[in-house]
C-alpha cells in the first residue's frame, strides 16, 4: 500500500512539475504569419516599429484618428497575431477612431519570448509611440481581449498612478487574475501558487480612475463569466457591463459587441 501511495505521489509531483515548467507553452500560442495591412480588412493601417526598453523592435499596426476622435489601443488575447484582429477593429476604423494593434514579442515574427513583464514592456513601448505621435493618454481607449485584459488593466493602473489617466478601459472576457483562471482549468493542482505570470487585475482595477466597460459571454468555456463579473464588482464607477446571453469566448462580436463598445466610447470620450 505504501509503495502504491508513494508511486501516486511521485506521479502527482511529476505532473505538477511538468505544468510548472511548461506553463508558458500552455499559456501563449503565438501566430507567425502576419502579412501587411494592405492585405487585410484594414488597409488604412500601416505597419510601424516600436522599440522596447529591453532592446526589441516590434512590428505593430497603426492608423491615426480623425480630428477629435480617440485612439483604441488593442491588446490581443494569447493566440494568433494582430492580423487576426483586422475584422474586429474594422468597426473602430470606420468610426474614425485611431487604432493601434500592438504586436507582442514572440508573436507575428517579432523577436523575444512571451511573458507578463515582457508584454508590459511591449505595451509601454506602444504607448510611448503614441505620445511621440501626439496622442496623449486622455485620448487612449485601452482595449484588452482575454489575456490582453491583464495588460490593459496594468497600463490603465500605471497611468492613474502618474496622474494621467487614460480616456477609457474596455475589457473583453476578462479574468480577476491568471491564477484564478488557471485554477478553473487545473483544479487538481495548486494553480494559483504555480502561475508565474500573474496578470493580477483584481489588485489594480479599483485604482484605474477611468470609465470601465466589461463584456463577457454567458457560455465562455475559456474564462468563466463569473471572473468577469467579479472584476466588474471591484471596479469603481463610472462602469458599464454587458453579460451576453448565448455567447462564448470568441464569438462576442456575433452578438453586437462592437456596437456596444462604440456606444460606450462615444459616451465617455471627448469628441
Foldseek 3Di string as FASTA:
>chain_A
DVVVVVVVVVVVVVVLVVCLVCVLVVQAAADAAADFCCVALRVQKGWDWFAFPVGWTFTKIKDAADPFAFEEEEDEGRYYFLRVCRVVCVVVVVVRHIYIDQTADPHHNTHDDDAQVRRLRSVVRVQVVCVVVPHFQQRYEYEYAEVRLLSSLVVLQVCLVVVRGHQEYEYELYAQWVQVLVCVVCVPDNSNVSDPRISRSLVRQQRSPYEYEYEYECAAPRRHVVRSVVSQVSHDPPYYYHHHYPDYRPCVVVVVPSVVVVVVSVVRHTD
